[in-house]
């Protein structure tokens, strides 16, 4: 654990303190959770997407909602299913399938990041936790 000292605007310090009191949590836990949500781990993220995912922190809520709602176009979904179900694909088809999977993965990463940021901003979990016993 590393200790740091930062100067916060009074309004932000008050909001963080209010959130800590409302959740009956230490202020450090609240700020740590907010930073974890705002600063994604980039270890497993493709190099060319790292800047975009970090930059999403400054997107407005409407843009984040658009990213959270994004989907691979239906025609591309159908083509991906068709190629994935093919027993023997040509080299070109294999390459096309790999590109479609890559596009799907990028959309999924953006969706996950957008939902995480929206959750942090709202102070609520956007996805229900599993209550598996």
N, C-alpha and C. Protein backbone atom coordinates (compact mmCIF):
# COMPACT_ATOMS: atom_id res chain seq x y z
N UNK A 1 0.86 -1.17 0.00
CA UNK A 1 0.00 0.00 0.00
C UNK A 1 0.90 1.23 0.00
N UNK A 2 0.55 2.21 -0.80
CA UNK A 2 1.28 3.47 -0.88
C UNK A 2 0.41 4.58 -0.34
N UNK A 3 0.98 5.42 0.50
CA UNK A 3 0.26 6.58 1.02
C UNK A 3 0.60 7.79 0.18
N UNK A 4 -0.44 8.56 -0.19
CA UNK A 4 -0.22 9.80 -0.93
C UNK A 4 -1.08 10.90 -0.31
N UNK A 5 -0.68 12.12 -0.53
CA UNK A 5 -1.46 13.27 -0.09
C UNK A 5 -1.85 14.06 -1.33
N UNK A 6 -3.14 14.38 -1.45
CA UNK A 6 -3.60 15.16 -2.60
C UNK A 6 -4.48 16.30 -2.11
N UNK A 7 -4.49 17.37 -2.88
CA UNK A 7 -5.39 18.48 -2.61
C UNK A 7 -6.61 18.32 -3.49
N UNK A 8 -7.79 18.30 -2.87
CA UNK A 8 -9.05 18.18 -3.60
C UNK A 8 -9.85 19.46 -3.47
N UNK A 9 -10.62 19.80 -4.49
CA UNK A 9 -11.55 20.91 -4.33
C UNK A 9 -12.51 20.59 -3.18
N UNK A 10 -12.92 21.60 -2.45
CA UNK A 10 -13.81 21.40 -1.30
C UNK A 10 -15.07 20.63 -1.68
N UNK A 11 -15.66 20.98 -2.82
CA UNK A 11 -16.90 20.32 -3.23
C UNK A 11 -16.70 18.83 -3.46
N UNK A 12 -15.55 18.45 -4.03
CA UNK A 12 -15.27 17.03 -4.26
C UNK A 12 -15.01 16.31 -2.95
N UNK A 13 -14.29 16.94 -2.05
CA UNK A 13 -14.03 16.34 -0.74
C UNK A 13 -15.34 16.14 0.02
N UNK A 14 -16.26 17.10 -0.09
CA UNK A 14 -17.56 16.96 0.57
C UNK A 14 -18.37 15.83 -0.04
N UNK A 15 -18.35 15.72 -1.37
CA UNK A 15 -19.09 14.63 -2.03
C UNK A 15 -18.52 13.27 -1.62
N UNK A 16 -17.20 13.16 -1.60
CA UNK A 16 -16.57 11.90 -1.20
C UNK A 16 -16.90 11.57 0.25
N UNK A 17 -16.84 12.58 1.11
CA UNK A 17 -17.19 12.37 2.52
C UNK A 17 -18.64 11.96 2.69
N UNK A 18 -19.52 12.59 1.92
CA UNK A 18 -20.95 12.23 1.98
C UNK A 18 -21.18 10.80 1.52
N UNK A 19 -20.48 10.40 0.46
CA UNK A 19 -20.61 9.02 -0.02
C UNK A 19 -20.10 8.04 1.02
N UNK A 20 -18.99 8.37 1.66
CA UNK A 20 -18.43 7.49 2.69
C UNK A 20 -19.41 7.33 3.86
N UNK A 21 -20.00 8.43 4.29
CA UNK A 21 -20.97 8.36 5.39
C UNK A 21 -22.21 7.56 4.97
N UNK A 22 -22.69 7.80 3.76
CA UNK A 22 -23.89 7.11 3.29
C UNK A 22 -23.67 5.60 3.20
N UNK A 23 -22.47 5.21 2.84
CA UNK A 23 -22.17 3.78 2.71
C UNK A 23 -21.56 3.20 3.98
N UNK A 24 -21.36 4.06 4.99
CA UNK A 24 -20.75 3.64 6.25
C UNK A 24 -19.41 2.95 5.98
N UNK A 25 -18.61 3.62 5.14
CA UNK A 25 -17.30 3.10 4.76
C UNK A 25 -16.25 4.17 5.04
N UNK A 26 -15.00 3.77 5.26
CA UNK A 26 -13.94 4.77 5.41
C UNK A 26 -13.76 5.56 4.11
N UNK A 27 -13.43 6.82 4.25
CA UNK A 27 -13.22 7.69 3.09
C UNK A 27 -12.19 7.10 2.13
N UNK A 28 -11.13 6.51 2.67
CA UNK A 28 -10.08 5.91 1.84
C UNK A 28 -10.65 4.81 0.95
N UNK A 29 -11.58 4.00 1.49
CA UNK A 29 -12.19 2.93 0.69
C UNK A 29 -13.01 3.50 -0.46
N UNK A 30 -13.74 4.57 -0.19
CA UNK A 30 -14.58 5.19 -1.22
C UNK A 30 -13.71 5.75 -2.33
N UNK A 31 -12.68 6.49 -1.97
CA UNK A 31 -11.81 7.09 -2.98
C UNK A 31 -11.05 6.01 -3.75
N UNK A 32 -10.60 4.97 -3.07
CA UNK A 32 -9.92 3.87 -3.75
C UNK A 32 -10.84 3.20 -4.76
N UNK A 33 -12.08 2.94 -4.36
CA UNK A 33 -13.05 2.31 -5.28
C UNK A 33 -13.32 3.20 -6.48
N UNK A 34 -13.41 4.49 -6.25
CA UNK A 34 -13.66 5.42 -7.36
C UNK A 34 -12.47 5.46 -8.31
N UNK A 35 -11.27 5.46 -7.78
CA UNK A 35 -10.08 5.46 -8.63
C UNK A 35 -9.96 4.15 -9.41
N UNK A 36 -10.28 3.04 -8.76
CA UNK A 36 -10.24 1.75 -9.46
C UNK A 36 -11.22 1.73 -10.62
N UNK A 37 -12.38 2.35 -10.43
CA UNK A 37 -13.36 2.42 -11.51
C UNK A 37 -12.95 3.37 -12.61
N UNK A 38 -12.28 4.45 -12.24
CA UNK A 38 -11.89 5.46 -13.22
C UNK A 38 -10.61 5.11 -13.96
N UNK A 39 -9.76 4.31 -13.34
CA UNK A 39 -8.48 3.95 -13.95
C UNK A 39 -8.43 2.45 -14.20
N UNK A 40 -8.77 2.04 -15.41
CA UNK A 40 -8.86 0.60 -15.68
C UNK A 40 -7.48 -0.06 -15.72
N UNK A 41 -7.47 -1.34 -15.39
CA UNK A 41 -6.26 -2.14 -15.60
C UNK A 41 -6.13 -2.35 -17.10
N UNK A 42 -4.96 -2.12 -17.62
CA UNK A 42 -4.75 -2.21 -19.07
C UNK A 42 -3.87 -3.40 -19.45
N UNK A 43 -3.59 -4.27 -18.49
CA UNK A 43 -2.67 -5.38 -18.74
C UNK A 43 -3.09 -6.26 -19.91
N UNK A 44 -4.37 -6.58 -20.01
CA UNK A 44 -4.84 -7.51 -21.03
C UNK A 44 -5.55 -6.81 -22.18
N UNK A 45 -5.39 -5.49 -22.28
CA UNK A 45 -6.08 -4.71 -23.31
C UNK A 45 -5.16 -4.55 -24.51
N UNK A 46 -5.70 -4.72 -25.72
CA UNK A 46 -4.86 -4.50 -26.91
C UNK A 46 -4.24 -3.10 -26.87
N UNK A 47 -2.99 -3.03 -27.26
CA UNK A 47 -2.23 -1.77 -27.21
C UNK A 47 -2.96 -0.61 -27.86
N UNK A 48 -3.59 -0.86 -29.00
CA UNK A 48 -4.23 0.22 -29.75
C UNK A 48 -5.56 0.68 -29.13
N UNK A 49 -6.02 0.02 -28.07
CA UNK A 49 -7.27 0.43 -27.41
C UNK A 49 -7.03 1.10 -26.06
N UNK A 50 -5.82 1.06 -25.57
CA UNK A 50 -5.53 1.57 -24.22
C UNK A 50 -5.87 3.05 -24.07
N UNK A 51 -5.44 3.86 -25.01
CA UNK A 51 -5.71 5.30 -24.93
C UNK A 51 -7.20 5.58 -24.95
N UNK A 52 -7.91 4.86 -25.82
CA UNK A 52 -9.36 5.07 -25.92
C UNK A 52 -10.07 4.71 -24.61
N UNK A 53 -9.73 3.57 -24.02
CA UNK A 53 -10.40 3.14 -22.79
C UNK A 53 -10.13 4.10 -21.64
N UNK A 54 -8.91 4.60 -21.53
CA UNK A 54 -8.61 5.58 -20.49
C UNK A 54 -9.33 6.89 -20.80
N UNK A 55 -9.34 7.29 -22.06
CA UNK A 55 -10.00 8.53 -22.46
C UNK A 55 -11.50 8.53 -22.22
N UNK A 56 -12.10 7.35 -22.16
CA UNK A 56 -13.54 7.26 -21.92
C UNK A 56 -13.93 7.88 -20.57
N UNK A 57 -12.97 8.00 -19.67
CA UNK A 57 -13.23 8.61 -18.36
C UNK A 57 -13.81 10.01 -18.52
N UNK A 58 -13.45 10.70 -19.58
CA UNK A 58 -13.90 12.08 -19.79
C UNK A 58 -15.09 12.18 -20.74
N UNK A 59 -15.64 11.06 -21.18
CA UNK A 59 -16.83 11.09 -22.03
C UNK A 59 -18.03 11.50 -21.18
N UNK A 60 -18.99 12.17 -21.80
CA UNK A 60 -20.21 12.51 -21.08
C UNK A 60 -21.10 11.26 -20.98
N UNK A 61 -22.10 11.33 -20.11
CA UNK A 61 -22.96 10.17 -19.86
C UNK A 61 -23.67 9.68 -21.12
N UNK A 62 -24.12 10.59 -21.96
CA UNK A 62 -24.83 10.18 -23.18
C UNK A 62 -23.92 9.38 -24.10
N UNK A 63 -22.68 9.80 -24.23
CA UNK A 63 -21.73 9.08 -25.08
C UNK A 63 -21.42 7.71 -24.48
N UNK A 64 -21.29 7.67 -23.15
CA UNK A 64 -21.06 6.38 -22.48
C UNK A 64 -22.25 5.45 -22.66
N UNK A 65 -23.46 5.99 -22.58
CA UNK A 65 -24.66 5.16 -22.79
C UNK A 65 -24.68 4.60 -24.21
N UNK A 66 -24.29 5.42 -25.18
CA UNK A 66 -24.22 4.93 -26.56
C UNK A 66 -23.23 3.78 -26.67
N UNK A 67 -22.08 3.92 -26.02
CA UNK A 67 -21.08 2.85 -26.05
C UNK A 67 -21.60 1.60 -25.34
N UNK A 68 -22.32 1.79 -24.23
CA UNK A 68 -22.87 0.66 -23.48
C UNK A 68 -23.94 -0.08 -24.28
N UNK A 69 -24.64 0.63 -25.15
CA UNK A 69 -25.70 0.03 -25.96
C UNK A 69 -25.21 -0.51 -27.30
N UNK A 70 -23.97 -0.24 -27.66
CA UNK A 70 -23.46 -0.62 -28.98
C UNK A 70 -23.47 -2.14 -29.17
N UNK A 71 -23.70 -2.53 -30.39
CA UNK A 71 -23.68 -3.96 -30.75
C UNK A 71 -23.02 -4.12 -32.11
N UNK A 72 -22.47 -5.28 -32.33
CA UNK A 72 -21.98 -5.62 -33.66
C UNK A 72 -23.18 -5.64 -34.59
N UNK A 73 -23.11 -4.99 -35.74
CA UNK A 73 -24.26 -4.99 -36.65
C UNK A 73 -24.75 -6.41 -36.94
N UNK A 74 -26.06 -6.55 -37.10
CA UNK A 74 -26.69 -7.86 -37.30
C UNK A 74 -26.06 -8.61 -38.47
N UNK A 75 -25.79 -7.91 -39.55
CA UNK A 75 -25.20 -8.60 -40.71
C UNK A 75 -23.84 -9.19 -40.36
N UNK A 76 -23.07 -8.48 -39.54
CA UNK A 76 -21.76 -9.00 -39.13
C UNK A 76 -21.92 -10.15 -38.13
N UNK A 77 -22.93 -10.07 -37.25
CA UNK A 77 -23.20 -11.18 -36.32
C UNK A 77 -23.55 -12.44 -37.10
N UNK A 78 -24.40 -12.28 -38.11
CA UNK A 78 -24.82 -13.42 -38.92
C UNK A 78 -23.63 -14.01 -39.67
N UNK A 79 -22.81 -13.14 -40.22
CA UNK A 79 -21.64 -13.61 -40.97
C UNK A 79 -20.68 -14.33 -40.03
N UNK A 80 -20.49 -13.82 -38.83
CA UNK A 80 -19.60 -14.45 -37.87
C UNK A 80 -20.13 -15.84 -37.51
N UNK A 81 -21.43 -15.96 -37.29
CA UNK A 81 -22.03 -17.26 -36.97
C UNK A 81 -21.88 -18.23 -38.14
N UNK A 82 -22.09 -17.72 -39.34
CA UNK A 82 -21.95 -18.55 -40.54
C UNK A 82 -20.52 -19.07 -40.68
N UNK A 83 -19.55 -18.19 -40.51
CA UNK A 83 -18.15 -18.60 -40.65
C UNK A 83 -17.72 -19.52 -39.52
N UNK A 84 -18.20 -19.26 -38.30
CA UNK A 84 -17.83 -20.09 -37.15
C UNK A 84 -18.40 -21.49 -37.28
N UNK A 85 -19.55 -21.61 -37.94
CA UNK A 85 -20.19 -22.91 -38.10
C UNK A 85 -19.69 -23.71 -39.28
N UNK A 86 -18.86 -23.09 -40.08
CA UNK A 86 -18.33 -23.75 -41.27
C UNK A 86 -17.27 -24.76 -40.87
N UNK A 87 -17.38 -25.95 -41.43
CA UNK A 87 -16.40 -26.99 -41.12
C UNK A 87 -15.02 -26.68 -41.67
N UNK A 88 -14.97 -26.37 -42.94
CA UNK A 88 -13.69 -26.11 -43.60
C UNK A 88 -13.73 -24.72 -44.21
N UNK A 89 -13.02 -23.80 -43.60
CA UNK A 89 -13.01 -22.42 -44.09
C UNK A 89 -11.72 -22.16 -44.85
N UNK A 90 -11.83 -21.33 -45.86
CA UNK A 90 -10.64 -20.93 -46.61
C UNK A 90 -9.79 -20.00 -45.75
N UNK A 91 -8.59 -19.73 -46.19
CA UNK A 91 -7.73 -18.80 -45.46
C UNK A 91 -8.39 -17.42 -45.36
N UNK A 92 -9.01 -16.98 -46.44
CA UNK A 92 -9.67 -15.67 -46.44
C UNK A 92 -10.84 -15.66 -45.45
N UNK A 93 -11.59 -16.76 -45.40
CA UNK A 93 -12.72 -16.84 -44.46
C UNK A 93 -12.24 -16.88 -43.02
N UNK A 94 -11.16 -17.60 -42.78
CA UNK A 94 -10.58 -17.66 -41.44
C UNK A 94 -10.12 -16.28 -41.00
N UNK A 95 -9.51 -15.55 -41.91
CA UNK A 95 -9.05 -14.20 -41.61
C UNK A 95 -10.25 -13.27 -41.37
N UNK A 96 -11.31 -13.42 -42.16
CA UNK A 96 -12.52 -12.61 -41.98
C UNK A 96 -13.15 -12.90 -40.62
N UNK A 97 -13.21 -14.18 -40.24
CA UNK A 97 -13.78 -14.55 -38.94
C UNK A 97 -12.95 -13.95 -37.80
N UNK A 98 -11.65 -14.00 -37.93
CA UNK A 98 -10.79 -13.43 -36.89
C UNK A 98 -11.02 -11.93 -36.76
N UNK A 99 -11.20 -11.23 -37.88
CA UNK A 99 -11.46 -9.79 -37.84
C UNK A 99 -12.81 -9.51 -37.18
N UNK A 100 -13.82 -10.31 -37.49
CA UNK A 100 -15.14 -10.13 -36.88
C UNK A 100 -15.07 -10.37 -35.37
N UNK A 101 -14.32 -11.38 -34.96
CA UNK A 101 -14.16 -11.65 -33.53
C UNK A 101 -13.43 -10.50 -32.84
N UNK A 102 -12.44 -9.94 -33.51
CA UNK A 102 -11.70 -8.80 -32.97
C UNK A 102 -12.64 -7.60 -32.81
N UNK A 103 -13.45 -7.32 -33.84
CA UNK A 103 -14.41 -6.22 -33.77
C UNK A 103 -15.40 -6.42 -32.62
N UNK A 104 -15.88 -7.65 -32.47
CA UNK A 104 -16.80 -7.99 -31.39
C UNK A 104 -16.13 -7.75 -30.02
N UNK A 105 -14.88 -8.18 -29.89
CA UNK A 105 -14.14 -7.99 -28.64
C UNK A 105 -13.95 -6.52 -28.29
N UNK A 106 -13.69 -5.71 -29.29
CA UNK A 106 -13.51 -4.27 -29.06
C UNK A 106 -14.81 -3.63 -28.57
N UNK A 107 -15.91 -4.01 -29.19
CA UNK A 107 -17.21 -3.48 -28.76
C UNK A 107 -17.48 -3.91 -27.32
N UNK A 108 -17.17 -5.15 -27.00
CA UNK A 108 -17.39 -5.67 -25.65
C UNK A 108 -16.54 -4.93 -24.62
N UNK A 109 -15.28 -4.65 -24.95
CA UNK A 109 -14.42 -3.89 -24.03
C UNK A 109 -14.97 -2.48 -23.80
N UNK A 110 -15.41 -1.82 -24.87
CA UNK A 110 -15.99 -0.48 -24.72
C UNK A 110 -17.25 -0.53 -23.86
N UNK A 111 -18.10 -1.54 -24.09
CA UNK A 111 -19.34 -1.67 -23.31
C UNK A 111 -19.01 -1.83 -21.83
N UNK A 112 -18.07 -2.72 -21.53
CA UNK A 112 -17.71 -2.97 -20.13
C UNK A 112 -17.16 -1.72 -19.47
N UNK A 113 -16.31 -1.00 -20.17
CA UNK A 113 -15.73 0.23 -19.62
C UNK A 113 -16.81 1.29 -19.41
N UNK A 114 -17.70 1.43 -20.39
CA UNK A 114 -18.78 2.41 -20.28
C UNK A 114 -19.67 2.10 -19.08
N UNK A 115 -20.03 0.83 -18.91
CA UNK A 115 -20.88 0.45 -17.78
C UNK A 115 -20.17 0.67 -16.45
N UNK A 116 -18.88 0.38 -16.40
CA UNK A 116 -18.13 0.61 -15.16
C UNK A 116 -18.11 2.10 -14.80
N UNK A 117 -17.88 2.95 -15.79
CA UNK A 117 -17.85 4.39 -15.53
C UNK A 117 -19.22 4.92 -15.13
N UNK A 118 -20.26 4.46 -15.81
CA UNK A 118 -21.61 4.90 -15.46
C UNK A 118 -21.98 4.45 -14.06
N UNK A 119 -21.53 3.26 -13.68
CA UNK A 119 -21.80 2.75 -12.34
C UNK A 119 -21.11 3.61 -11.29
N UNK A 120 -19.85 3.94 -11.52
CA UNK A 120 -19.11 4.78 -10.58
C UNK A 120 -19.77 6.15 -10.47
N UNK A 121 -20.16 6.72 -11.60
CA UNK A 121 -20.76 8.06 -11.58
C UNK A 121 -22.10 8.07 -10.86
N UNK A 122 -22.86 7.00 -10.98
CA UNK A 122 -24.18 6.97 -10.35
C UNK A 122 -24.10 6.57 -8.88
N UNK A 123 -23.01 5.95 -8.50
CA UNK A 123 -22.88 5.47 -7.13
C UNK A 123 -23.64 4.18 -6.90
N UNK A 124 -24.14 3.56 -7.98
CA UNK A 124 -24.91 2.32 -7.89
C UNK A 124 -24.31 1.29 -8.83
N UNK A 125 -24.52 0.05 -8.50
CA UNK A 125 -24.11 -1.02 -9.41
C UNK A 125 -25.17 -1.11 -10.51
N UNK A 126 -24.72 -1.08 -11.76
CA UNK A 126 -25.67 -1.15 -12.87
C UNK A 126 -26.09 -2.58 -13.17
N UNK A 127 -25.29 -3.52 -12.78
CA UNK A 127 -25.62 -4.92 -13.00
C UNK A 127 -25.81 -5.57 -11.64
N UNK A 128 -26.86 -6.33 -11.49
CA UNK A 128 -27.15 -6.98 -10.21
C UNK A 128 -26.08 -8.01 -9.89
N UNK A 129 -25.72 -8.07 -8.62
CA UNK A 129 -24.76 -9.08 -8.19
C UNK A 129 -25.44 -10.43 -8.12
N UNK A 130 -24.68 -11.46 -8.39
CA UNK A 130 -25.20 -12.81 -8.29
C UNK A 130 -25.34 -13.19 -6.82
N UNK A 131 -26.44 -13.81 -6.48
CA UNK A 131 -26.65 -14.26 -5.10
C UNK A 131 -26.49 -15.77 -4.99
N UNK A 132 -25.57 -16.31 -5.79
CA UNK A 132 -25.36 -17.76 -5.77
C UNK A 132 -24.83 -18.19 -4.41
N UNK A 133 -25.37 -19.28 -3.93
CA UNK A 133 -24.98 -19.77 -2.60
C UNK A 133 -23.79 -20.68 -2.69
